[in-house]
All heavy atoms as atom14 arrays in JSON, in Angstrom:
{
  "sequence": "GGNAAEACRPTLGLLGAHVREGLSRRDTAKVDRHMDGCADCRAVYAEL",
  "atom14_mask": [
    [1, 1, 1, 1, 0, 0, 0, 0, 0, 0, 0, 0, 0, 0],
    [1, 1, 1, 1, 0, 0, 0, 0, 0, 0, 0, 0, 0, 0],
    [1, 1, 1, 1, 1, 1, 1, 1, 0, 0, 0, 0, 0, 0],
    [1, 1, 1, 1, 1, 0, 0, 0, 0, 0, 0, 0, 0, 0],
    [1, 1, 1, 1, 1, 0, 0, 0, 0, 0, 0, 0, 0, 0],
    [1, 1, 1, 1, 1, 1, 1, 1, 1, 0, 0, 0, 0, 0],
    [1, 1, 1, 1, 1, 0, 0, 0, 0, 0, 0, 0, 0, 0],
    [1, 1, 1, 1, 1, 1, 0, 0, 0, 0, 0, 0, 0, 0],
    [1, 1, 1, 1, 1, 1, 1, 1, 1, 1, 1, 0, 0, 0],
    [1, 1, 1, 1, 1, 1, 1, 0, 0, 0, 0, 0, 0, 0],
    [1, 1, 1, 1, 1, 1, 1, 0, 0, 0, 0, 0, 0, 0],
    [1, 1, 1, 1, 1, 1, 1, 1, 0, 0, 0, 0, 0, 0],
    [1, 1, 1, 1, 0, 0, 0, 0, 0, 0, 0, 0, 0, 0],
    [1, 1, 1, 1, 1, 1, 1, 1, 0, 0, 0, 0, 0, 0],
    [1, 1, 1, 1, 1, 1, 1, 1, 0, 0, 0, 0, 0, 0],
    [1, 1, 1, 1, 0, 0, 0, 0, 0, 0, 0, 0, 0, 0],
    [1, 1, 1, 1, 1, 0, 0, 0, 0, 0, 0, 0, 0, 0],
    [1, 1, 1, 1, 1, 1, 1, 1, 1, 1, 0, 0, 0, 0],
    [1, 1, 1, 1, 1, 1, 1, 0, 0, 0, 0, 0, 0, 0],
    [1, 1, 1, 1, 1, 1, 1, 1, 1, 1, 1, 0, 0, 0],
    [1, 1, 1, 1, 1, 1, 1, 1, 1, 0, 0, 0, 0, 0],
    [1, 1, 1, 1, 0, 0, 0, 0, 0, 0, 0, 0, 0, 0],
    [1, 1, 1, 1, 1, 1, 1, 1, 0, 0, 0, 0, 0, 0],
    [1, 1, 1, 1, 1, 1, 0, 0, 0, 0, 0, 0, 0, 0],
    [1, 1, 1, 1, 1, 1, 1, 1, 1, 1, 1, 0, 0, 0],
    [1, 1, 1, 1, 1, 1, 1, 1, 1, 1, 1, 0, 0, 0],
    [1, 1, 1, 1, 1, 1, 1, 1, 0, 0, 0, 0, 0, 0],
    [1, 1, 1, 1, 1, 1, 1, 0, 0, 0, 0, 0, 0, 0],
    [1, 1, 1, 1, 1, 0, 0, 0, 0, 0, 0, 0, 0, 0],
    [1, 1, 1, 1, 1, 1, 1, 1, 1, 0, 0, 0, 0, 0],
    [1, 1, 1, 1, 1, 1, 1, 0, 0, 0, 0, 0, 0, 0],
    [1, 1, 1, 1, 1, 1, 1, 1, 0, 0, 0, 0, 0, 0],
    [1, 1, 1, 1, 1, 1, 1, 1, 1, 1, 1, 0, 0, 0],
    [1, 1, 1, 1, 1, 1, 1, 1, 1, 1, 0, 0, 0, 0],
    [1, 1, 1, 1, 1, 1, 1, 1, 0, 0, 0, 0, 0, 0],
    [1, 1, 1, 1, 1, 1, 1, 1, 0, 0, 0, 0, 0, 0],
    [1, 1, 1, 1, 0, 0, 0, 0, 0, 0, 0, 0, 0, 0],
    [1, 1, 1, 1, 1, 1, 0, 0, 0, 0, 0, 0, 0, 0],
    [1, 1, 1, 1, 1, 0, 0, 0, 0, 0, 0, 0, 0, 0],
    [1, 1, 1, 1, 1, 1, 1, 1, 0, 0, 0, 0, 0, 0],
    [1, 1, 1, 1, 1, 1, 0, 0, 0, 0, 0, 0, 0, 0],
    [1, 1, 1, 1, 1, 1, 1, 1, 1, 1, 1, 0, 0, 0],
    [1, 1, 1, 1, 1, 0, 0, 0, 0, 0, 0, 0, 0, 0],
    [1, 1, 1, 1, 1, 1, 1, 0, 0, 0, 0, 0, 0, 0],
    [1, 1, 1, 1, 1, 1, 1, 1, 1, 1, 1, 1, 0, 0],
    [1, 1, 1, 1, 1, 0, 0, 0, 0, 0, 0, 0, 0, 0],
    [1, 1, 1, 1, 1, 1, 1, 1, 1, 0, 0, 0, 0, 0],
    [1, 1, 1, 1, 1, 1, 1, 1, 0, 0, 0, 0, 0, 0]
  ],
  "atom14_positions": [
    [[26.88, -2.59, 10.37], [28.28, -2.2, 10.17], [29.21, -3.37, 9.94], [30.34, -3.18, 9.5], [0.0, 0.0, 0.0], [0.0, 0.0, 0.0], [0.0, 0.0, 0.0], [0.0, 0.0, 0.0], [0.0, 0.0, 0.0], [0.0, 0.0, 0.0], [0.0, 0.0, 0.0], [0.0, 0.0, 0.0], [0.0, 0.0, 0.0], [0.0, 0.0, 0.0]],
    [[28.75, -4.57, 10.24], [29.59, -5.74, 10.02], [30.64, -5.96, 11.09], [31.46, -6.87, 10.97], [0.0, 0.0, 0.0], [0.0, 0.0, 0.0], [0.0, 0.0, 0.0], [0.0, 0.0, 0.0], [0.0, 0.0, 0.0], [0.0, 0.0, 0.0], [0.0, 0.0, 0.0], [0.0, 0.0, 0.0], [0.0, 0.0, 0.0], [0.0, 0.0, 0.0]],
    [[30.64, -5.13, 12.13], [31.65, -5.26, 13.18], [31.22, -6.23, 14.27], [32.05, -6.7, 15.04], [31.93, -3.89, 13.82], [32.54, -2.92, 12.82], [33.32, -3.31, 11.97], [32.16, -1.64, 12.93], [0.0, 0.0, 0.0], [0.0, 0.0, 0.0], [0.0, 0.0, 0.0], [0.0, 0.0, 0.0], [0.0, 0.0, 0.0], [0.0, 0.0, 0.0]],
    [[29.93, -6.53, 14.33], [29.44, -7.43, 15.37], [29.78, -8.88, 15.02], [29.61, -9.32, 13.88], [27.93, -7.28, 15.53], [0.0, 0.0, 0.0], [0.0, 0.0, 0.0], [0.0, 0.0, 0.0], [0.0, 0.0, 0.0], [0.0, 0.0, 0.0], [0.0, 0.0, 0.0], [0.0, 0.0, 0.0], [0.0, 0.0, 0.0], [0.0, 0.0, 0.0]],
    [[30.27, -9.6, 16.02], [30.57, -11.01, 15.83], [29.29, -11.78, 15.56], [28.21, -11.39, 16.04], [31.28, -11.57, 17.05], [0.0, 0.0, 0.0], [0.0, 0.0, 0.0], [0.0, 0.0, 0.0], [0.0, 0.0, 0.0], [0.0, 0.0, 0.0], [0.0, 0.0, 0.0], [0.0, 0.0, 0.0], [0.0, 0.0, 0.0], [0.0, 0.0, 0.0]],
    [[29.38, -12.84, 14.8], [28.2, -13.6, 14.45], [27.48, -14.11, 15.69], [26.24, -14.14, 15.74], [28.6, -14.77, 13.56], [27.44, -15.46, 12.85], [26.71, -14.51, 11.9], [27.37, -13.66, 11.3], [25.48, -14.65, 11.78], [0.0, 0.0, 0.0], [0.0, 0.0, 0.0], [0.0, 0.0, 0.0], [0.0, 0.0, 0.0], [0.0, 0.0, 0.0]],
    [[28.26, -14.49, 16.7], [27.65, -15.02, 17.93], [26.9, -13.93, 18.7], [26.03, -14.24, 19.52], [28.73, -15.62, 18.82], [0.0, 0.0, 0.0], [0.0, 0.0, 0.0], [0.0, 0.0, 0.0], [0.0, 0.0, 0.0], [0.0, 0.0, 0.0], [0.0, 0.0, 0.0], [0.0, 0.0, 0.0], [0.0, 0.0, 0.0], [0.0, 0.0, 0.0]],
    [[27.22, -12.65, 18.43], [26.57, -11.53, 19.15], [25.28, -11.07, 18.5], [24.47, -10.4, 19.14], [27.53, -10.35, 19.25], [29.0, -10.64, 20.25], [0.0, 0.0, 0.0], [0.0, 0.0, 0.0], [0.0, 0.0, 0.0], [0.0, 0.0, 0.0], [0.0, 0.0, 0.0], [0.0, 0.0, 0.0], [0.0, 0.0, 0.0], [0.0, 0.0, 0.0]],
    [[25.08, -11.4, 17.23], [23.96, -10.85, 16.5], [22.59, -11.17, 17.12], [21.73, -10.3, 17.22], [24.02, -11.27, 15.03], [25.15, -10.57, 14.28], [25.22, -10.95, 12.82], [26.18, -10.08, 12.15], [25.89, -8.91, 11.59], [24.65, -8.49, 11.61], [26.81, -8.17, 11.03], [0.0, 0.0, 0.0], [0.0, 0.0, 0.0], [0.0, 0.0, 0.0]],
    [[22.35, -12.42, 17.53], [21.04, -12.69, 18.16], [20.81, -11.87, 19.43], [19.7, -11.38, 19.67], [21.11, -14.19, 18.48], [22.09, -14.75, 17.5], [23.13, -13.67, 17.34], [0.0, 0.0, 0.0], [0.0, 0.0, 0.0], [0.0, 0.0, 0.0], [0.0, 0.0, 0.0], [0.0, 0.0, 0.0], [0.0, 0.0, 0.0], [0.0, 0.0, 0.0]],
    [[21.86, -11.67, 20.21], [21.74, -10.87, 21.44], [21.52, -9.41, 21.11], [20.67, -8.75, 21.73], [23.0, -11.04, 22.3], [23.1, -12.41, 22.71], [22.93, -10.15, 23.53], [0.0, 0.0, 0.0], [0.0, 0.0, 0.0], [0.0, 0.0, 0.0], [0.0, 0.0, 0.0], [0.0, 0.0, 0.0], [0.0, 0.0, 0.0], [0.0, 0.0, 0.0]],
    [[22.25, -8.86, 20.16], [22.09, -7.46, 19.8], [20.67, -7.17, 19.33], [20.13, -6.1, 19.62], [23.09, -7.08, 18.69], [24.56, -6.97, 19.12], [25.46, -6.76, 17.91], [24.74, -5.84, 20.13], [0.0, 0.0, 0.0], [0.0, 0.0, 0.0], [0.0, 0.0, 0.0], [0.0, 0.0, 0.0], [0.0, 0.0, 0.0], [0.0, 0.0, 0.0]],
    [[20.07, -8.15, 18.65], [18.7, -7.97, 18.18], [17.69, -7.89, 19.31], [16.58, -7.4, 19.1], [0.0, 0.0, 0.0], [0.0, 0.0, 0.0], [0.0, 0.0, 0.0], [0.0, 0.0, 0.0], [0.0, 0.0, 0.0], [0.0, 0.0, 0.0], [0.0, 0.0, 0.0], [0.0, 0.0, 0.0], [0.0, 0.0, 0.0], [0.0, 0.0, 0.0]],
    [[18.06, -8.36, 20.49], [17.15, -8.37, 21.63], [17.44, -7.3, 22.66], [16.64, -7.11, 23.59], [17.2, -9.74, 22.31], [16.75, -10.97, 21.49], [17.04, -12.25, 22.26], [15.27, -10.86, 21.16], [0.0, 0.0, 0.0], [0.0, 0.0, 0.0], [0.0, 0.0, 0.0], [0.0, 0.0, 0.0], [0.0, 0.0, 0.0], [0.0, 0.0, 0.0]],
    [[18.57, -6.59, 22.52], [18.98, -5.67, 23.56], [18.01, -4.5, 23.76], [17.8, -4.03, 24.87], [20.39, -5.12, 23.26], [21.55, -6.05, 23.6], [22.87, -5.34, 23.35], [21.48, -6.55, 25.03], [0.0, 0.0, 0.0], [0.0, 0.0, 0.0], [0.0, 0.0, 0.0], [0.0, 0.0, 0.0], [0.0, 0.0, 0.0], [0.0, 0.0, 0.0]],
    [[17.43, -4.01, 22.66], [16.49, -2.91, 22.79], [15.31, -3.27, 23.68], [14.93, -2.5, 24.58], [0.0, 0.0, 0.0], [0.0, 0.0, 0.0], [0.0, 0.0, 0.0], [0.0, 0.0, 0.0], [0.0, 0.0, 0.0], [0.0, 0.0, 0.0], [0.0, 0.0, 0.0], [0.0, 0.0, 0.0], [0.0, 0.0, 0.0], [0.0, 0.0, 0.0]],
    [[14.74, -4.45, 23.46], [13.62, -4.9, 24.3], [14.09, -5.2, 25.71], [13.35, -5.01, 26.68], [12.98, -6.15, 23.67], [0.0, 0.0, 0.0], [0.0, 0.0, 0.0], [0.0, 0.0, 0.0], [0.0, 0.0, 0.0], [0.0, 0.0, 0.0], [0.0, 0.0, 0.0], [0.0, 0.0, 0.0], [0.0, 0.0, 0.0], [0.0, 0.0, 0.0]],
    [[15.35, -5.69, 25.84], [15.87, -6.0, 27.16], [16.01, -4.75, 28.02], [15.72, -4.77, 29.22], [17.23, -6.7, 27.0], [17.76, -7.28, 28.29], [16.98, -7.93, 29.2], [19.01, -7.29, 28.82], [17.71, -8.34, 30.22], [18.95, -7.95, 30.02], [0.0, 0.0, 0.0], [0.0, 0.0, 0.0], [0.0, 0.0, 0.0], [0.0, 0.0, 0.0]],
    [[16.42, -3.65, 27.41], [16.58, -2.39, 28.14], [15.26, -1.94, 28.75], [15.22, -1.45, 29.89], [17.15, -1.29, 27.21], [17.04, 0.07, 27.86], [18.61, -1.6, 26.87], [0.0, 0.0, 0.0], [0.0, 0.0, 0.0], [0.0, 0.0, 0.0], [0.0, 0.0, 0.0], [0.0, 0.0, 0.0], [0.0, 0.0, 0.0], [0.0, 0.0, 0.0]],
    [[14.19, -2.1, 28.01], [12.87, -1.66, 28.52], [12.12, -2.8, 29.2], [10.91, -2.72, 29.43], [12.01, -1.07, 27.41], [11.7, -1.97, 26.25], [10.79, -1.27, 25.25], [10.41, -2.14, 24.15], [11.1, -2.3, 23.05], [12.23, -1.62, 22.87], [10.71, -3.14, 22.1], [0.0, 0.0, 0.0], [0.0, 0.0, 0.0], [0.0, 0.0, 0.0]],
    [[12.84, -3.88, 29.51], [12.28, -5.04, 30.24], [11.08, -5.62, 29.51], [10.07, -5.96, 30.12], [11.91, -4.63, 31.67], [13.1, -4.13, 32.47], [12.73, -3.75, 33.9], [11.51, -3.73, 34.21], [13.63, -3.49, 34.69], [0.0, 0.0, 0.0], [0.0, 0.0, 0.0], [0.0, 0.0, 0.0], [0.0, 0.0, 0.0], [0.0, 0.0, 0.0]],
    [[11.23, -5.76, 28.2], [10.13, -6.28, 27.4], [10.33, -7.7, 26.9], [9.57, -8.17, 26.05], [0.0, 0.0, 0.0], [0.0, 0.0, 0.0], [0.0, 0.0, 0.0], [0.0, 0.0, 0.0], [0.0, 0.0, 0.0], [0.0, 0.0, 0.0], [0.0, 0.0, 0.0], [0.0, 0.0, 0.0], [0.0, 0.0, 0.0], [0.0, 0.0, 0.0]],
    [[11.35, -8.39, 27.42], [11.62, -9.76, 26.99], [10.95, -10.77, 27.92], [10.65, -10.47, 29.07], [13.13, -10.03, 26.98], [13.97, -9.29, 25.92], [15.44, -9.66, 26.11], [13.5, -9.63, 24.51], [0.0, 0.0, 0.0], [0.0, 0.0, 0.0], [0.0, 0.0, 0.0], [0.0, 0.0, 0.0], [0.0, 0.0, 0.0], [0.0, 0.0, 0.0]],
    [[10.74, -11.96, 27.39], [10.24, -13.05, 28.23], [11.37, -13.48, 29.17], [12.55, -13.12, 28.98], [9.84, -14.24, 27.36], [10.99, -14.77, 26.7], [0.0, 0.0, 0.0], [0.0, 0.0, 0.0], [0.0, 0.0, 0.0], [0.0, 0.0, 0.0], [0.0, 0.0, 0.0], [0.0, 0.0, 0.0], [0.0, 0.0, 0.0], [0.0, 0.0, 0.0]],
    [[11.02, -14.24, 30.2], [12.04, -14.71, 31.15], [13.11, -15.53, 30.44], [14.3, -15.41, 30.74], [11.39, -15.55, 32.25], [10.56, -14.73, 33.23], [10.07, -15.62, 34.37], [9.29, -14.88, 35.34], [8.76, -15.41, 36.44], [8.94, -16.73, 36.68], [8.07, -14.68, 37.28], [0.0, 0.0, 0.0], [0.0, 0.0, 0.0], [0.0, 0.0, 0.0]],
    [[12.67, -16.35, 29.52], [13.61, -17.22, 28.81], [14.6, -16.38, 28.01], [15.81, -16.62, 28.07], [12.84, -18.17, 27.88], [13.73, -19.1, 27.09], [12.9, -20.01, 26.22], [13.73, -20.89, 25.42], [13.26, -21.78, 24.54], [11.93, -21.9, 24.38], [14.08, -22.54, 23.85], [0.0, 0.0, 0.0], [0.0, 0.0, 0.0], [0.0, 0.0, 0.0]],
    [[14.09, -15.4, 27.23], [15.0, -14.57, 26.44], [15.87, -13.68, 27.31], [17.03, -13.43, 26.99], [14.19, -13.71, 25.45], [13.66, -14.51, 24.29], [14.2, -15.6, 24.02], [12.69, -14.06, 23.65], [0.0, 0.0, 0.0], [0.0, 0.0, 0.0], [0.0, 0.0, 0.0], [0.0, 0.0, 0.0], [0.0, 0.0, 0.0], [0.0, 0.0, 0.0]],
    [[15.31, -13.21, 28.41], [16.1, -12.4, 29.32], [17.29, -13.2, 29.87], [18.43, -12.7, 29.92], [15.24, -11.91, 30.51], [14.2, -11.05, 30.0], [16.08, -11.11, 31.51], [0.0, 0.0, 0.0], [0.0, 0.0, 0.0], [0.0, 0.0, 0.0], [0.0, 0.0, 0.0], [0.0, 0.0, 0.0], [0.0, 0.0, 0.0], [0.0, 0.0, 0.0]],
    [[17.02, -14.43, 30.27], [18.1, -15.28, 30.79], [19.15, -15.56, 29.71], [20.36, -15.57, 29.98], [17.52, -16.59, 31.31], [0.0, 0.0, 0.0], [0.0, 0.0, 0.0], [0.0, 0.0, 0.0], [0.0, 0.0, 0.0], [0.0, 0.0, 0.0], [0.0, 0.0, 0.0], [0.0, 0.0, 0.0], [0.0, 0.0, 0.0], [0.0, 0.0, 0.0]],
    [[18.68, -15.75, 28.46], [19.59, -16.02, 27.35], [20.52, -14.81, 27.1], [21.73, -14.96, 26.94], [18.8, -16.33, 26.09], [19.66, -16.75, 24.9], [18.83, -16.82, 23.63], [17.65, -17.78, 23.79], [16.87, -17.91, 22.53], [0.0, 0.0, 0.0], [0.0, 0.0, 0.0], [0.0, 0.0, 0.0], [0.0, 0.0, 0.0], [0.0, 0.0, 0.0]],
    [[19.93, -13.62, 27.1], [20.72, -12.4, 26.86], [21.71, -12.19, 28.0], [22.87, -11.85, 27.79], [19.79, -11.19, 26.7], [20.59, -9.88, 26.73], [19.01, -11.29, 25.4], [0.0, 0.0, 0.0], [0.0, 0.0, 0.0], [0.0, 0.0, 0.0], [0.0, 0.0, 0.0], [0.0, 0.0, 0.0], [0.0, 0.0, 0.0], [0.0, 0.0, 0.0]],
    [[21.24, -12.38, 29.24], [22.12, -12.18, 30.4], [23.29, -13.14, 30.37], [24.43, -12.77, 30.72], [21.33, -12.33, 31.7], [20.4, -11.14, 31.95], [20.61, -10.1, 31.33], [19.46, -11.3, 32.77], [0.0, 0.0, 0.0], [0.0, 0.0, 0.0], [0.0, 0.0, 0.0], [0.0, 0.0, 0.0], [0.0, 0.0, 0.0], [0.0, 0.0, 0.0]],
    [[23.05, -14.4, 30.01], [24.14, -15.38, 29.94], [25.18, -14.95, 28.91], [26.38, -15.05, 29.13], [23.59, -16.77, 29.59], [22.97, -17.51, 30.75], [22.81, -18.99, 30.46], [22.02, -19.22, 29.26], [20.69, -19.36, 29.24], [20.02, -19.25, 30.39], [20.05, -19.59, 28.12], [0.0, 0.0, 0.0], [0.0, 0.0, 0.0], [0.0, 0.0, 0.0]],
    [[24.7, -14.47, 27.77], [25.64, -14.05, 26.73], [26.48, -12.86, 27.21], [27.7, -12.83, 27.02], [24.89, -13.69, 25.44], [25.79, -13.15, 24.37], [26.48, -13.97, 23.5], [26.13, -11.86, 24.04], [27.2, -13.22, 22.68], [27.0, -11.95, 22.97], [0.0, 0.0, 0.0], [0.0, 0.0, 0.0], [0.0, 0.0, 0.0], [0.0, 0.0, 0.0]],
    [[25.81, -11.88, 27.83], [26.53, -10.68, 28.26], [27.51, -10.98, 29.38], [28.5, -10.27, 29.54], [25.55, -9.58, 28.67], [24.83, -8.94, 27.5], [24.07, -7.34, 27.91], [22.87, -7.85, 29.14], [0.0, 0.0, 0.0], [0.0, 0.0, 0.0], [0.0, 0.0, 0.0], [0.0, 0.0, 0.0], [0.0, 0.0, 0.0], [0.0, 0.0, 0.0]],
    [[27.25, -12.01, 30.17], [28.19, -12.39, 31.23], [29.58, -12.68, 30.66], [30.58, -12.44, 31.33], [27.67, -13.62, 31.98], [26.54, -13.27, 32.94], [26.39, -12.07, 33.25], [25.82, -14.19, 33.36], [0.0, 0.0, 0.0], [0.0, 0.0, 0.0], [0.0, 0.0, 0.0], [0.0, 0.0, 0.0], [0.0, 0.0, 0.0], [0.0, 0.0, 0.0]],
    [[29.6, -13.19, 29.44], [30.91, -13.53, 28.84], [31.28, -12.67, 27.66], [32.25, -13.0, 26.96], [0.0, 0.0, 0.0], [0.0, 0.0, 0.0], [0.0, 0.0, 0.0], [0.0, 0.0, 0.0], [0.0, 0.0, 0.0], [0.0, 0.0, 0.0], [0.0, 0.0, 0.0], [0.0, 0.0, 0.0], [0.0, 0.0, 0.0], [0.0, 0.0, 0.0]],
    [[30.56, -11.57, 27.42], [30.83, -10.76, 26.23], [30.92, -9.29, 26.62], [29.9, -8.63, 26.84], [29.75, -10.97, 25.17], [30.03, -10.02, 23.66], [0.0, 0.0, 0.0], [0.0, 0.0, 0.0], [0.0, 0.0, 0.0], [0.0, 0.0, 0.0], [0.0, 0.0, 0.0], [0.0, 0.0, 0.0], [0.0, 0.0, 0.0], [0.0, 0.0, 0.0]],
    [[32.14, -8.76, 26.65], [32.33, -7.36, 27.02], [31.75, -6.41, 25.97], [31.26, -5.33, 26.31], [33.82, -7.08, 27.22], [0.0, 0.0, 0.0], [0.0, 0.0, 0.0], [0.0, 0.0, 0.0], [0.0, 0.0, 0.0], [0.0, 0.0, 0.0], [0.0, 0.0, 0.0], [0.0, 0.0, 0.0], [0.0, 0.0, 0.0], [0.0, 0.0, 0.0]],
    [[31.82, -6.8, 24.7], [31.3, -5.94, 23.63], [29.8, -5.69, 23.77], [29.33, -4.57, 23.68], [31.62, -6.53, 22.25], [33.08, -6.49, 21.93], [33.81, -5.67, 22.55], [33.53, -7.26, 21.05], [0.0, 0.0, 0.0], [0.0, 0.0, 0.0], [0.0, 0.0, 0.0], [0.0, 0.0, 0.0], [0.0, 0.0, 0.0], [0.0, 0.0, 0.0]],
    [[29.05, -6.75, 24.01], [27.61, -6.61, 24.16], [27.25, -5.88, 25.45], [26.26, -5.16, 25.5], [26.93, -7.98, 24.1], [26.87, -8.67, 22.42], [0.0, 0.0, 0.0], [0.0, 0.0, 0.0], [0.0, 0.0, 0.0], [0.0, 0.0, 0.0], [0.0, 0.0, 0.0], [0.0, 0.0, 0.0], [0.0, 0.0, 0.0], [0.0, 0.0, 0.0]],
    [[28.05, -6.07, 26.49], [27.81, -5.32, 27.73], [28.0, -3.83, 27.48], [27.25, -3.01, 28.02], [28.77, -5.79, 28.84], [28.43, -7.14, 29.45], [29.08, -7.32, 30.81], [30.52, -7.17, 30.77], [31.38, -8.15, 30.51], [30.92, -9.38, 30.28], [32.68, -7.94, 30.51], [0.0, 0.0, 0.0], [0.0, 0.0, 0.0], [0.0, 0.0, 0.0]],
    [[28.98, -3.47, 26.67], [29.22, -2.05, 26.37], [28.05, -1.46, 25.59], [27.6, -0.34, 25.86], [30.52, -1.9, 25.58], [0.0, 0.0, 0.0], [0.0, 0.0, 0.0], [0.0, 0.0, 0.0], [0.0, 0.0, 0.0], [0.0, 0.0, 0.0], [0.0, 0.0, 0.0], [0.0, 0.0, 0.0], [0.0, 0.0, 0.0], [0.0, 0.0, 0.0]],
    [[27.55, -2.23, 24.62], [26.4, -1.74, 23.83], [25.19, -1.59, 24.74], [24.45, -0.6, 24.65], [26.09, -2.72, 22.67], [24.79, -2.32, 21.97], [27.24, -2.75, 21.68], [0.0, 0.0, 0.0], [0.0, 0.0, 0.0], [0.0, 0.0, 0.0], [0.0, 0.0, 0.0], [0.0, 0.0, 0.0], [0.0, 0.0, 0.0], [0.0, 0.0, 0.0]],
    [[24.98, -2.55, 25.63], [23.86, -2.5, 26.57], [23.95, -1.26, 27.46], [22.95, -0.58, 27.71], [23.82, -3.76, 27.42], [22.71, -3.78, 28.45], [21.4, -4.05, 28.07], [22.98, -3.53, 29.79], [20.38, -4.07, 29.02], [21.96, -3.54, 30.75], [20.67, -3.81, 30.35], [19.66, -3.81, 31.28], [0.0, 0.0, 0.0], [0.0, 0.0, 0.0]],
    [[25.16, -0.96, 27.94], [25.36, 0.21, 28.79], [25.02, 1.48, 28.04], [24.41, 2.41, 28.58], [26.8, 0.25, 29.32], [0.0, 0.0, 0.0], [0.0, 0.0, 0.0], [0.0, 0.0, 0.0], [0.0, 0.0, 0.0], [0.0, 0.0, 0.0], [0.0, 0.0, 0.0], [0.0, 0.0, 0.0], [0.0, 0.0, 0.0], [0.0, 0.0, 0.0]],
    [[25.41, 1.54, 26.77], [25.12, 2.73, 25.97], [23.62, 2.89, 25.73], [23.08, 4.0, 25.75], [25.86, 2.66, 24.64], [27.38, 2.8, 24.8], [28.14, 2.55, 23.52], [27.53, 1.95, 22.59], [29.3, 2.93, 23.42], [0.0, 0.0, 0.0], [0.0, 0.0, 0.0], [0.0, 0.0, 0.0], [0.0, 0.0, 0.0], [0.0, 0.0, 0.0]],
    [[22.95, 1.76, 25.51], [21.5, 1.84, 25.3], [20.78, 2.24, 26.57], [19.75, 2.93, 26.53], [20.99, 0.47, 24.82], [21.41, 0.02, 23.42], [20.94, -1.41, 23.17], [20.83, 0.95, 22.37], [0.0, 0.0, 0.0], [0.0, 0.0, 0.0], [0.0, 0.0, 0.0], [0.0, 0.0, 0.0], [0.0, 0.0, 0.0], [0.0, 0.0, 0.0]]
  ]
}
């Protein structure tokens, strides 16, 4: 849709696997750090 900020795109690409706990520890920590400071990605994660 083009609405996602460029900085959010790598995280959005990993959220599906993150929901089902399919990420490595490193990627999980990376996604969690991003969501700590990003309300938009937290909202998408909650919906997923």
